Protein backbone atom coordinates (compact mmCIF):
# COMPACT_ATOMS: atom_id res chain seq x y z
CA UNK A 1 35.19 68.59 -68.56
CA UNK A 2 37.04 71.34 -66.51
CA UNK A 3 35.14 71.30 -63.03
CA UNK A 4 33.18 74.94 -62.81
CA UNK A 5 30.73 76.75 -60.35
CA UNK A 6 29.67 80.07 -59.23
CA UNK A 7 29.44 81.44 -55.78
CA UNK A 8 27.46 84.25 -55.44
CA UNK A 9 26.23 86.12 -52.07
CA UNK A 10 22.76 86.57 -53.76
CA UNK A 11 19.95 84.23 -52.81
CA UNK A 12 16.98 85.35 -54.92
CA UNK A 13 16.17 81.81 -57.46
CA UNK A 14 14.10 83.96 -59.22
CA UNK A 15 16.51 86.14 -60.09
CA UNK A 16 18.98 83.35 -61.29
CA UNK A 17 16.50 81.69 -63.78
CA UNK A 18 15.66 85.42 -65.36
CA UNK A 19 19.73 85.77 -65.96
CA UNK A 20 19.67 82.63 -67.24
CA UNK A 21 16.92 83.17 -69.75
CA UNK A 22 18.07 86.88 -70.74
CA UNK A 23 21.68 84.39 -71.79
CA UNK A 24 19.71 81.99 -73.57
CA UNK A 25 16.47 83.61 -75.07
CA UNK A 26 16.35 81.19 -78.17
CA UNK A 27 17.04 78.14 -76.19
CA UNK A 28 14.54 75.87 -74.28
CA UNK A 29 14.99 76.07 -70.84
CA UNK A 30 13.45 73.92 -68.00
CA UNK A 31 13.13 74.27 -64.36
CA UNK A 32 12.45 71.97 -61.36
CA UNK A 33 9.80 72.73 -59.14
CA UNK A 34 11.86 73.48 -56.28
CA UNK A 35 13.99 75.65 -58.47
CA UNK A 36 17.49 73.37 -57.65
CA UNK A 37 18.17 72.66 -61.27
CA UNK A 38 17.80 74.57 -64.60
CA UNK A 39 18.52 72.87 -67.86
CA UNK A 40 19.08 74.99 -70.83
CA UNK A 41 18.42 72.73 -74.17
CA UNK A 42 19.57 73.56 -77.79
CA UNK A 43 18.19 71.82 -80.53
CA UNK A 44 19.83 71.28 -83.77
CA UNK A 45 18.37 69.74 -86.87
CA UNK A 46 19.37 66.44 -85.75
CA UNK A 47 20.91 66.74 -82.16
CA UNK A 48 20.20 68.94 -78.70
CA UNK A 49 23.14 70.22 -76.77
CA UNK A 50 22.26 70.50 -72.55
CA UNK A 51 23.85 73.02 -69.70
CA UNK A 52 22.68 72.36 -66.74
CA UNK A 53 23.30 74.42 -63.50
CA UNK A 54 22.70 72.53 -60.08
CA UNK A 55 21.67 75.15 -57.49
CA UNK A 56 22.39 74.86 -53.75
CA UNK A 57 21.72 77.99 -51.15
CA UNK A 58 22.43 78.61 -47.35
CA UNK A 59 18.48 78.56 -47.22
CA UNK A 60 17.69 75.21 -49.02
CA UNK A 61 20.69 73.10 -47.57
CA UNK A 62 22.28 75.09 -44.63
CA UNK A 63 24.00 72.79 -42.92
CA UNK A 64 25.71 71.21 -46.39
CA UNK A 65 26.02 74.68 -47.64
CA UNK A 66 27.89 76.08 -44.30
CA UNK A 67 30.10 73.10 -44.22
CA UNK A 68 31.19 73.46 -48.24
CA UNK A 69 31.69 76.99 -47.37
CA UNK A 70 34.04 76.18 -44.25
CA UNK A 71 35.86 73.75 -45.95
CA UNK A 72 36.61 76.11 -48.81
CA UNK A 73 37.44 78.96 -46.63
CA UNK A 74 39.89 76.19 -45.34
CA UNK A 75 41.48 75.55 -48.19
CA UNK A 76 42.12 79.09 -49.57
CA UNK A 77 43.41 80.50 -45.97
CA UNK A 78 46.17 77.89 -46.27
CA UNK A 79 47.39 78.79 -49.55
CA UNK A 80 50.17 81.37 -49.38
CA UNK A 81 49.30 84.15 -51.15
CA UNK A 82 51.69 86.48 -53.40
CA UNK A 83 48.43 89.48 -52.84
CA UNK A 84 48.02 89.26 -48.84
CA UNK A 85 45.65 91.82 -49.08
CA UNK A 86 43.80 90.59 -51.98
CA UNK A 87 43.61 86.57 -50.32
CA UNK A 88 41.89 88.44 -47.24
CA UNK A 89 39.21 90.03 -49.21
CA UNK A 90 38.98 86.82 -51.31
CA UNK A 91 38.52 84.88 -47.90
CA UNK A 92 35.77 87.93 -46.62
CA UNK A 93 33.98 87.56 -49.99
CA UNK A 94 33.77 83.99 -48.79
CA UNK A 95 32.18 84.60 -45.62
CA UNK A 96 29.07 86.41 -47.52
CA UNK A 97 27.98 83.25 -49.82
CA UNK A 98 24.77 82.40 -50.20
CA UNK A 99 24.46 80.38 -53.28
CA UNK A 100 26.47 77.89 -55.53
CA UNK A 101 25.44 77.03 -59.02
CA UNK A 102 27.49 73.98 -60.28
CA UNK A 103 27.91 73.50 -64.06
CA UNK A 104 27.14 70.80 -65.80
CA UNK A 105 27.81 70.04 -69.85
CA UNK A 106 28.29 67.54 -72.07
CA UNK A 107 31.33 68.41 -73.66
CA UNK A 108 34.52 70.86 -72.21
CA UNK A 109 33.51 74.57 -71.32
CA UNK A 110 34.00 76.11 -74.54
CA UNK A 111 35.30 79.74 -75.03
CA UNK A 112 31.49 80.68 -76.08
CA UNK A 113 30.32 78.73 -72.73
CA UNK A 114 32.85 80.58 -70.64
CA UNK A 115 31.78 83.99 -71.84
CA UNK A 116 28.25 83.02 -71.15
CA UNK A 117 28.99 82.11 -67.75
CA UNK A 118 31.20 85.62 -67.30
CA UNK A 119 27.78 86.99 -68.28
CA UNK A 120 26.15 84.89 -65.41
CA UNK A 121 28.61 85.31 -63.01
CA UNK A 122 28.31 89.50 -63.16
CA UNK A 123 24.98 89.51 -63.35
CA UNK A 124 25.11 87.25 -59.87
CA UNK A 125 28.38 89.39 -58.57
CA UNK A 126 29.92 86.14 -58.01
CA UNK A 127 33.16 84.72 -57.91
CA UNK A 128 34.11 80.93 -60.02
CA UNK A 129 35.32 78.25 -59.26
CA UNK A 130 37.58 77.25 -62.02
CA UNK A 131 39.25 73.71 -62.40
CA UNK A 132 41.51 72.17 -59.96
CA UNK A 133 41.57 75.35 -57.11
CA UNK A 134 41.71 78.31 -59.09
CA UNK A 135 39.34 80.87 -57.98
CA UNK A 136 38.27 83.76 -60.97
CA UNK A 137 36.08 87.14 -60.72
CA UNK A 138 33.38 87.52 -62.21
CA UNK A 139 35.72 89.01 -65.56
CA UNK A 140 37.67 86.09 -65.44
CA UNK A 141 40.69 87.65 -63.89
CA UNK A 142 42.18 85.02 -61.35
CA UNK A 143 41.73 86.14 -58.17
CA UNK A 144 43.81 83.09 -56.28
CA UNK A 145 45.13 79.97 -57.08
CA UNK A 146 47.02 77.09 -55.38
CA UNK A 147 50.51 78.45 -56.11
CA UNK A 148 49.21 81.95 -54.07
CA UNK A 149 49.09 83.66 -57.91
CA UNK A 150 46.45 86.28 -58.49
CA UNK A 151 46.30 88.61 -61.74
CA UNK A 152 44.75 91.58 -59.98
CA UNK A 153 46.26 94.20 -58.23
CA UNK A 154 43.39 94.49 -55.41
CA UNK A 155 39.59 93.18 -55.14
CA UNK A 156 36.33 94.94 -54.16
CA UNK A 157 34.23 92.94 -51.74
CA UNK A 158 31.01 93.16 -52.42
CA UNK A 159 27.87 91.30 -50.74
CA UNK A 160 24.15 91.01 -50.55
CA UNK A 161 22.18 93.63 -48.54
CA UNK A 162 21.53 91.06 -46.10
CA UNK A 163 25.35 91.68 -45.28
CA UNK A 164 25.35 95.49 -45.03
CA UNK A 165 25.01 95.78 -41.34
CA UNK A 166 27.81 93.59 -40.85
CA UNK A 167 30.18 95.94 -42.55
CA UNK A 168 31.64 97.41 -39.54
CA UNK A 169 35.35 99.26 -39.57
CA UNK A 170 38.17 97.41 -37.57
CA UNK A 171 38.90 99.03 -33.95
CA UNK A 172 41.94 98.89 -32.00
CA UNK A 173 39.33 96.11 -29.48
CA UNK A 174 38.91 93.93 -31.78
CA UNK A 175 42.54 94.07 -32.97
CA UNK A 176 43.29 93.58 -29.50
CA UNK A 177 41.16 90.81 -29.12
CA UNK A 178 42.50 89.30 -31.89
CA UNK A 179 45.78 89.48 -30.38
CA UNK A 180 44.64 87.89 -27.33
CA UNK A 181 42.96 85.00 -28.96
CA UNK A 182 46.13 83.94 -30.63
CA UNK A 183 48.12 84.49 -27.76
CA UNK A 184 45.42 81.73 -25.86
CA UNK A 185 45.91 78.88 -28.96
CA UNK A 186 49.82 79.80 -28.96
CA UNK A 187 50.03 78.98 -25.31
CA UNK A 188 47.97 75.69 -25.74
CA UNK A 189 50.09 74.63 -28.82
CA UNK A 190 47.15 75.02 -31.13
CA UNK A 191 48.38 76.35 -35.03
CA UNK A 192 46.14 79.01 -35.80
CA UNK A 193 45.62 80.92 -39.23
CA UNK A 194 47.32 84.15 -38.86
CA UNK A 195 44.74 85.64 -41.95
CA UNK A 196 41.63 85.58 -40.11
CA UNK A 197 40.92 88.70 -39.59
CA UNK A 198 39.98 90.83 -36.59
CA UNK A 199 36.22 90.75 -35.42
CA UNK A 200 33.91 93.58 -34.62
CA UNK A 201 35.15 95.25 -31.67
CA UNK A 202 32.88 96.98 -28.55
CA UNK A 203 32.07 99.99 -30.01
CA UNK A 204 30.31 98.23 -33.28
CA UNK A 205 28.46 95.01 -31.43
CA UNK A 206 25.29 95.13 -29.77
CA UNK A 207 24.72 92.29 -27.66
CA UNK A 208 21.32 90.03 -26.80
CA UNK A 209 19.51 91.42 -23.61
CA UNK A 210 19.34 89.00 -20.48
CA UNK A 211 15.71 88.18 -21.36
CA UNK A 212 16.16 87.30 -25.19
CA UNK A 213 19.18 84.97 -23.66
CA UNK A 214 17.26 83.43 -21.19
CA UNK A 215 14.71 82.51 -23.50
CA UNK A 216 16.57 81.11 -26.28
CA UNK A 217 18.63 79.28 -23.17
CA UNK A 218 15.04 77.58 -22.74
CA UNK A 219 13.98 77.11 -26.15
CA UNK A 220 17.13 75.34 -26.67
CA UNK A 221 17.35 73.06 -23.89
CA UNK A 222 13.48 71.79 -24.57
CA UNK A 223 14.55 71.20 -28.21
CA UNK A 224 17.24 69.37 -26.83
CA UNK A 225 15.57 67.63 -24.43
CA UNK A 226 12.98 65.88 -26.89
CA UNK A 227 16.17 65.15 -29.09
CA UNK A 228 17.80 63.33 -26.21
CA UNK A 229 14.63 61.38 -25.19
CA UNK A 230 14.06 59.96 -28.68
CA UNK A 231 17.53 59.11 -28.96
CA UNK A 232 17.21 56.91 -26.01
CA UNK A 233 13.92 55.24 -27.19
CA UNK A 234 11.21 56.97 -25.57
CA UNK A 235 8.33 56.57 -27.04
CA UNK A 236 7.03 59.97 -29.12
CA UNK A 237 4.21 60.03 -26.91
CA UNK A 238 5.66 60.13 -23.34
CA UNK A 239 8.73 62.30 -25.02
CA UNK A 240 5.78 64.85 -26.07
CA UNK A 241 3.77 64.51 -22.65
CA UNK A 242 7.04 65.89 -21.06
CA UNK A 243 8.34 68.11 -23.42
CA UNK A 244 4.59 69.97 -23.51
CA UNK A 245 5.10 69.61 -19.27
CA UNK A 246 8.45 71.59 -19.63
CA UNK A 247 6.96 74.12 -22.08
CA UNK A 248 3.96 74.98 -19.63
CA UNK A 249 5.81 75.22 -16.59
CA UNK A 250 8.10 78.10 -18.18
CA UNK A 251 5.48 79.17 -20.63
CA UNK A 252 7.83 78.84 -23.30
CA UNK A 253 5.62 78.43 -26.62
CA UNK A 254 6.90 81.76 -27.62
CA UNK A 255 10.35 81.27 -27.60
CA UNK A 256 10.74 78.67 -30.26
CA UNK A 257 12.53 79.61 -33.72
CA UNK A 258 10.21 78.32 -36.79
CA UNK A 259 12.27 75.36 -37.19
CA UNK A 260 12.45 74.28 -33.63
CA UNK A 261 8.53 75.02 -33.81
CA UNK A 262 7.93 72.54 -36.61
CA UNK A 263 10.29 69.66 -34.47
CA UNK A 264 8.56 70.36 -31.22
CA UNK A 265 4.70 70.15 -32.81
CA UNK A 266 5.71 66.74 -34.72
CA UNK A 267 5.08 63.49 -33.79
CA UNK A 268 8.52 61.90 -33.05
CA UNK A 269 11.33 63.06 -35.66
CA UNK A 270 13.74 61.53 -38.19
CA UNK A 271 16.88 59.97 -36.82
CA UNK A 272 18.93 63.09 -38.24
CA UNK A 273 16.99 65.79 -36.21
CA UNK A 274 17.27 63.82 -33.60
CA UNK A 275 20.88 64.23 -33.47
CA UNK A 276 21.25 67.41 -34.64
CA UNK A 277 18.71 68.88 -31.76
CA UNK A 278 20.35 67.24 -29.16
CA UNK A 279 23.50 68.99 -30.10
CA UNK A 280 21.58 71.90 -28.79
CA UNK A 281 22.48 71.34 -25.17
CA UNK A 282 25.92 72.91 -26.16
CA UNK A 283 24.69 76.08 -27.48
CA UNK A 284 22.17 76.28 -23.98
CA UNK A 285 25.34 75.50 -22.09
CA UNK A 286 26.76 78.53 -23.85
CA UNK A 287 23.78 80.90 -23.19
CA UNK A 288 24.11 79.45 -19.12
CA UNK A 289 27.68 81.06 -19.34
CA UNK A 290 26.81 84.02 -20.97
CA UNK A 291 23.76 84.30 -18.08
CA UNK A 292 26.65 83.71 -15.35
CA UNK A 293 25.40 80.03 -14.42
CA UNK A 294 28.41 78.45 -15.34
CA UNK A 295 31.86 79.99 -14.26
CA UNK A 296 34.15 79.45 -17.51
CA UNK A 297 33.67 77.82 -21.11
CA UNK A 298 36.78 76.71 -21.38
CA UNK A 299 38.29 75.05 -24.56
CA UNK A 300 35.82 72.99 -27.15
CA UNK A 301 37.31 70.02 -25.82
CA UNK A 302 34.46 67.87 -23.53
CA UNK A 303 31.02 67.58 -24.35
CA UNK A 304 29.54 70.06 -21.08
CA UNK A 305 27.64 67.75 -18.15
CA UNK A 306 24.12 67.50 -19.41
CA UNK A 307 22.84 66.96 -16.26
CA UNK A 308 24.38 69.92 -14.68
CA UNK A 309 23.41 71.62 -16.85
CA UNK A 310 19.73 70.90 -17.02
CA UNK A 311 19.73 71.18 -13.56
CA UNK A 312 20.16 75.12 -13.32
CA UNK A 313 16.70 75.26 -15.29
CA UNK A 314 15.18 72.32 -13.22
CA UNK A 315 16.05 73.93 -10.06
CA UNK A 316 13.73 77.14 -11.36
CA UNK A 317 9.86 77.02 -10.55
CA UNK A 318 9.10 79.56 -13.16
CA UNK A 319 10.85 81.49 -16.08
CA UNK A 320 10.96 84.89 -14.17
CA UNK A 321 12.89 83.05 -11.55
CA UNK A 322 15.04 81.66 -13.98
CA UNK A 323 15.66 85.27 -15.22
CA UNK A 324 16.00 86.90 -12.11
CA UNK A 325 18.86 84.78 -10.86
CA UNK A 326 20.71 85.69 -14.26
CA UNK A 327 23.66 87.94 -14.33
CA UNK A 328 24.22 88.72 -18.27
CA UNK A 329 28.31 89.00 -18.73
CA UNK A 330 29.66 92.00 -20.10
CA UNK A 331 29.83 92.57 -23.61
CA UNK A 332 33.76 92.83 -23.42
CA UNK A 333 33.71 89.17 -22.00
CA UNK A 334 31.31 87.74 -24.79
CA UNK A 335 33.02 89.27 -27.29
CA UNK A 336 36.34 87.71 -26.51
CA UNK A 337 34.83 84.12 -26.14
CA UNK A 338 33.31 85.06 -29.43
CA UNK A 339 36.66 85.95 -30.76
CA UNK A 340 38.32 82.75 -29.59
CA UNK A 341 35.87 80.21 -30.83
CA UNK A 342 35.88 81.65 -34.50
CA UNK A 343 39.60 80.96 -34.31
CA UNK A 344 39.28 77.71 -32.30
CA UNK A 345 36.37 76.72 -34.85
CA UNK A 346 38.85 77.85 -37.89
CA UNK A 347 40.97 75.03 -36.52
CA UNK A 348 38.54 72.38 -36.20
CA UNK A 349 37.31 72.63 -39.51
CA UNK A 350 40.58 73.00 -41.18
CA UNK A 351 41.62 69.74 -39.53
CA UNK A 352 38.34 68.09 -41.09
CA UNK A 353 38.88 69.42 -44.67
CA UNK A 354 42.41 67.54 -44.20
CA UNK A 355 41.29 64.71 -43.02
CA UNK A 356 43.18 64.66 -39.71
CA UNK A 357 42.11 65.14 -35.78
CA UNK A 358 41.82 68.25 -34.74
CA UNK A 359 44.82 69.41 -32.37
CA UNK A 360 45.00 69.33 -28.98
CA UNK A 361 41.27 67.30 -28.40
CA UNK A 362 39.87 69.80 -29.94
CA UNK A 363 36.02 68.81 -30.74
CA UNK A 364 34.53 69.68 -34.03
CA UNK A 365 30.94 69.50 -32.89
CA UNK A 366 31.56 71.56 -29.78
CA UNK A 367 33.49 73.91 -31.30
CA UNK A 368 30.50 74.57 -34.04
CA UNK A 369 27.77 74.74 -31.46
CA UNK A 370 29.63 77.06 -29.26
CA UNK A 371 30.74 79.53 -32.53
CA UNK A 372 26.66 79.14 -33.68
CA UNK A 373 25.74 80.49 -30.32
CA UNK A 374 28.05 82.99 -29.60
CA UNK A 375 27.94 84.40 -33.28
CA UNK A 376 24.06 84.58 -32.24
CA UNK A 377 24.71 86.48 -28.85
CA UNK A 378 26.98 89.01 -30.37
CA UNK A 379 24.10 89.72 -33.33
CA UNK A 380 26.52 88.65 -36.23
CA UNK A 381 24.97 89.81 -39.17
CA UNK A 382 22.09 90.66 -37.50
CA UNK A 383 20.74 86.80 -37.89
CA UNK A 384 18.18 85.25 -36.01
CA UNK A 385 18.23 81.56 -34.12
CA UNK A 386 17.79 79.53 -37.54
CA UNK A 387 19.95 81.36 -39.75
CA UNK A 388 23.04 82.15 -37.66
CA UNK A 389 26.46 81.46 -39.81
CA UNK A 390 29.49 80.12 -38.59
CA UNK A 391 31.75 82.01 -41.06
CA UNK A 392 35.65 81.04 -40.71
């Protein structure tokens, strides 16, 4: 059958279920308890036919979903589109996506089934990934295919309400920053995507306060410390005792995000969590830079010096001391870094999609962690730490 999936910025799994119920009022509909799979069963006299809908969202599978969307955007951005304005809007739409609905069918998608999918796409305000690389709008018109063709003259981007706060006008400062970043990449011999848009300018962006940044730095450092200790083979008991000692020293119990709290509270940890939180040292390094403790970030090539980074905190007896000696960088400096890492990370994602090593020694893991940290610093989409996206 032809591959087909619907991509939407919506997050409401119950709304999806209700839409499917309205499209198939006479059929039996079953849903998994976790709401990630829906099956429609149509019974006939001597047989039955089924249609399946596999669902993944940015909340149910955040890491996998983000990686998938980044790969999709990397693929679409490489196409030489005939209508660049539509292509740019398609990429903006992709950056707002929260849900993918994969379609399962026993046979090729019939004309009738396709019309049902269009009804579902319209209800979800979705785009449809169709066949070997074509993207359709909710009316079934071609937005972009691998040859750069499009059947529409324009495309209106709409998104879930969680994105409305980030619909900010283009500005001269954002455009200048984009040019500056591209100049840096060019001098480093790094290929970049000219279609990546300018980011929000100084006048449209809020920066986290010094106290927020300092608290986030401490939380990241402590969570990474637990990951590092467990990864090095330390016992769960000894690790927990050390982590609690550091938490008490900096009165940091309230600094953690919900996901971090669960990680800190559990006895030991799964290997994947150990690895994931150990990478937090790279985000912690960005917070140290934002607070003035680290002089330069540089290109995302080498892992940070963990011993040196932790030392900035270890030398302070209290959180108040750590905050008092910090000097938050200017909005302009932080936005410069955020724009540049946005473009560095695109290069790394594009290289991964094409099964190539990133150019100029770029490290995809470092780029991702820095991108996430800097997006949090500039209040990207007003998201809290656990939800911060790294759209490219």
